[in-house]
Amino acid sequence: MAHINLNNNLPGIRGPMAYRPETAKPLNELAETLLRDDNNTLSRGDRELIGTYVSYLNDCFFCQNVHGAMAQHYMQCDMQFIDSIKHDFTTAAISDKMKSLLAIAAAVQKSGKHVTAALIEQAKEQEATDREIHDAVLIAAAFCMFNRYVDGLGTAAPQDRQLYINRAPQRAEEGYAGLDLYK
């Protein structure tokens, strides 16, 4: 049960968003731009993976599983692969560029001041563009906010991870901006 009466029983971020639709709209538009905009050199899967990893670091069960399922859907892999990245991305079978962007995201999760010139240089050495670095930082920062929103209000999260996996294709098709919070 959530810490406050949200006047609904929706899980995770959907509960507080339905409670305050006027704040949900810009948050969903931000998620849509960051995670789904096709004018981006990072794939949708890569961007969802950044959000997943930050949510894992923040121990936000709902967000790491929603966005992990989305990353899994876009990357056409299984959840064990996503889990292996969360547990140790440095040994995962992902690009060195993605590893450098996840290192930046991990630094942002601690504090923006943990992002060092060395981390940025390492990403650039792996051919990350300024836009990709920018987006990795903003996705990580946004997910810290989303995670704190979900967990700060004590929202419920279904524990069956298969529910998130089953829902991912529908969410991938519909996106975030027009999110029907009651579905």
Protein backbone atom coordinates (compact mmCIF):
# COMPACT_ATOMS: atom_id res chain seq x y z
CA MET A 1 0.00 0.00 0.00
CA ALA A 2 1.32 3.43 -0.95
CA HIS A 3 2.33 5.92 1.73
CA ILE A 4 -0.53 8.23 0.71
CA ASN A 5 -4.00 7.56 -0.68
CA LEU A 6 -3.48 7.70 -4.44
CA ASN A 7 -7.16 6.91 -5.05
CA ASN A 8 -6.14 3.95 -7.26
CA ASN A 9 -4.43 0.58 -7.02
CA LEU A 10 -2.13 1.01 -10.01
CA PRO A 11 1.40 -0.34 -9.62
CA GLY A 12 4.67 1.56 -9.65
CA ILE A 13 4.82 4.96 -11.27
CA ARG A 14 1.38 4.56 -12.81
CA GLY A 15 -0.28 5.09 -9.41
CA PRO A 16 1.16 8.53 -8.63
CA MET A 17 0.89 9.55 -12.28
CA ALA A 18 -2.83 8.76 -12.29
CA TYR A 19 -3.11 10.68 -9.01
CA ARG A 20 -1.54 13.81 -10.60
CA PRO A 21 -2.09 13.62 -14.39
CA GLU A 22 -0.95 17.22 -14.79
CA THR A 23 2.53 16.22 -13.61
CA ALA A 24 2.39 12.86 -15.40
CA LYS A 25 2.11 14.52 -18.80
CA PRO A 26 5.52 16.28 -18.79
CA LEU A 27 7.20 13.29 -17.11
CA ASN A 28 5.88 10.95 -19.79
CA GLU A 29 6.88 13.40 -22.52
CA LEU A 30 10.41 13.45 -21.08
CA ALA A 31 10.51 9.64 -21.06
CA GLU A 32 9.21 9.55 -24.63
CA THR A 33 11.88 11.97 -25.83
CA LEU A 34 14.73 10.30 -23.97
CA LEU A 35 13.82 6.67 -24.59
CA ARG A 36 11.94 6.55 -27.88
CA ASP A 37 12.96 9.49 -30.08
CA ASP A 38 14.19 8.02 -33.36
CA ASN A 39 16.54 10.96 -33.92
CA ASN A 40 19.19 9.33 -31.73
CA THR A 41 22.30 7.29 -32.44
CA LEU A 42 21.73 5.20 -29.32
CA SER A 43 19.19 2.45 -29.93
CA ARG A 44 15.99 2.36 -27.93
CA GLY A 45 17.37 -0.77 -26.28
CA ASP A 46 20.56 1.03 -25.26
CA ARG A 47 18.61 3.91 -23.75
CA GLU A 48 16.22 1.58 -21.90
CA LEU A 49 19.28 -0.31 -20.65
CA ILE A 50 20.72 2.88 -19.13
CA GLY A 51 17.43 3.47 -17.31
CA THR A 52 17.34 -0.17 -16.22
CA TYR A 53 20.87 -0.05 -14.85
CA VAL A 54 20.30 3.16 -12.89
CA SER A 55 17.03 1.74 -11.52
CA TYR A 56 18.94 -1.38 -10.46
CA LEU A 57 21.55 0.76 -8.69
CA ASN A 58 18.72 2.65 -6.96
CA ASP A 59 17.08 -0.68 -6.01
CA CYS A 60 13.80 0.34 -7.65
CA PHE A 61 12.19 -3.02 -8.42
CA PHE A 62 9.35 -1.63 -10.52
CA CYS A 63 11.47 0.57 -12.80
CA GLN A 64 14.32 -1.88 -13.28
CA ASN A 65 11.84 -4.55 -14.34
CA VAL A 66 9.63 -2.37 -16.56
CA HIS A 67 12.61 -0.91 -18.37
CA GLY A 68 14.61 -4.13 -18.25
CA ALA A 69 11.72 -5.80 -20.07
CA MET A 70 11.70 -2.94 -22.57
CA ALA A 71 15.47 -3.27 -23.13
CA GLN A 72 15.07 -7.02 -23.50
CA HIS A 73 12.28 -6.49 -26.05
CA TYR A 74 14.23 -3.99 -28.15
CA MET A 75 17.52 -5.89 -27.90
CA GLN A 76 15.83 -9.23 -28.69
CA CYS A 77 17.55 -11.00 -25.81
CA ASP A 78 16.41 -12.72 -22.64
CA MET A 79 16.15 -11.29 -19.15
CA GLN A 80 19.15 -13.30 -17.98
CA PHE A 81 21.26 -11.22 -20.36
CA ILE A 82 19.79 -7.98 -18.97
CA ASP A 83 20.38 -9.27 -15.43
CA SER A 84 24.01 -10.09 -16.27
CA ILE A 85 24.52 -6.50 -17.43
CA LYS A 86 22.97 -5.14 -14.23
CA HIS A 87 25.20 -7.33 -12.07
CA ASP A 88 28.46 -6.64 -13.95
CA PHE A 89 28.28 -4.69 -17.18
CA THR A 90 32.08 -4.69 -17.48
CA THR A 91 32.09 -8.39 -18.42
CA ALA A 92 28.85 -8.38 -20.42
CA ALA A 93 28.72 -8.92 -24.17
CA ILE A 94 27.92 -5.29 -24.97
CA SER A 95 29.97 -2.69 -26.81
CA ASP A 96 32.80 -0.87 -25.09
CA LYS A 97 30.96 2.36 -25.89
CA MET A 98 27.90 1.10 -24.01
CA LYS A 99 30.09 0.05 -21.10
CA SER A 100 31.56 3.55 -20.93
CA LEU A 101 28.08 5.12 -21.01
CA LEU A 102 26.90 2.79 -18.22
CA ALA A 103 29.95 3.85 -16.18
CA ILE A 104 28.89 7.47 -16.65
CA ALA A 105 25.29 6.58 -15.69
CA ALA A 106 26.57 4.85 -12.52
CA ALA A 107 28.50 7.99 -11.61
CA VAL A 108 25.42 10.17 -12.16
CA GLN A 109 23.40 7.82 -9.94
CA LYS A 110 25.78 8.62 -7.07
CA SER A 111 26.00 12.35 -7.83
CA GLY A 112 26.54 14.46 -10.90
CA LYS A 113 29.84 15.47 -9.37
CA HIS A 114 31.02 11.85 -9.66
CA VAL A 115 31.11 12.22 -13.45
CA THR A 116 34.78 12.88 -14.11
CA ALA A 117 36.73 14.11 -17.09
CA ALA A 118 38.31 10.64 -17.22
CA LEU A 119 34.90 8.96 -17.60
CA ILE A 120 34.00 11.37 -20.40
CA GLU A 121 37.34 10.85 -22.10
CA GLN A 122 36.95 7.08 -21.87
CA ALA A 123 33.51 7.33 -23.53
CA LYS A 124 34.90 9.55 -26.28
CA GLU A 125 37.74 7.07 -26.84
CA GLN A 126 34.99 4.47 -27.43
CA GLU A 127 33.47 6.84 -30.03
CA ALA A 128 30.59 8.08 -27.89
CA THR A 129 29.35 11.38 -29.25
CA ASP A 130 28.66 14.46 -27.15
CA ARG A 131 24.93 13.84 -27.75
CA GLU A 132 25.21 10.23 -26.54
CA ILE A 133 27.08 11.34 -23.41
CA HIS A 134 24.51 14.08 -22.83
CA ASP A 135 21.64 11.64 -23.19
CA ALA A 136 23.27 9.04 -20.92
CA VAL A 137 23.65 11.68 -18.22
CA LEU A 138 20.09 12.95 -18.65
CA ILE A 139 18.57 9.45 -18.74
CA ALA A 140 20.47 8.54 -15.57
CA ALA A 141 19.39 11.75 -13.82
CA ALA A 142 15.77 11.34 -14.93
CA PHE A 143 15.67 7.75 -13.73
CA CYS A 144 16.99 8.78 -10.33
CA MET A 145 13.98 11.11 -10.15
CA PHE A 146 11.54 8.47 -11.47
CA ASN A 147 12.91 5.85 -9.03
CA ARG A 148 12.60 8.20 -6.07
CA TYR A 149 9.06 9.12 -7.15
CA VAL A 150 8.03 5.45 -7.24
CA ASP A 151 9.78 4.35 -4.06
CA GLY A 152 9.34 7.62 -2.17
CA LEU A 153 5.57 7.14 -2.29
CA GLY A 154 5.88 3.46 -1.43
CA THR A 155 4.00 2.26 -4.50
CA ALA A 156 3.34 -1.43 -5.06
CA ALA A 157 5.23 -3.43 -7.66
CA PRO A 158 4.12 -6.81 -8.96
CA GLN A 159 6.84 -9.34 -8.11
CA ASP A 160 6.19 -11.60 -11.10
CA ARG A 161 8.81 -10.41 -13.60
CA GLN A 162 6.99 -12.18 -16.43
CA LEU A 163 4.21 -9.57 -16.18
CA TYR A 164 6.72 -6.87 -17.17
CA ILE A 165 8.09 -8.99 -20.02
CA ASN A 166 4.58 -9.71 -21.34
CA ARG A 167 3.67 -6.02 -21.29
CA ALA A 168 6.83 -4.76 -23.03
CA PRO A 169 5.66 -5.24 -26.65
CA GLN A 170 2.51 -3.21 -25.98
CA ARG A 171 4.48 -0.46 -24.23
CA ALA A 172 7.00 -0.45 -27.11
CA GLU A 173 4.17 0.06 -29.57
CA GLU A 174 2.27 2.69 -27.58
CA GLY A 175 5.20 4.63 -26.13
CA TYR A 176 5.17 6.82 -23.05
CA ALA A 177 3.70 10.16 -24.16
CA GLY A 178 0.20 8.84 -24.74
CA LEU A 179 0.40 6.42 -21.81
CA ASP A 180 -3.03 5.33 -20.67
CA LEU A 181 -2.36 5.15 -16.96
CA TYR A 182 -5.40 3.02 -16.28
CA LYS A 183 -4.47 0.13 -18.63
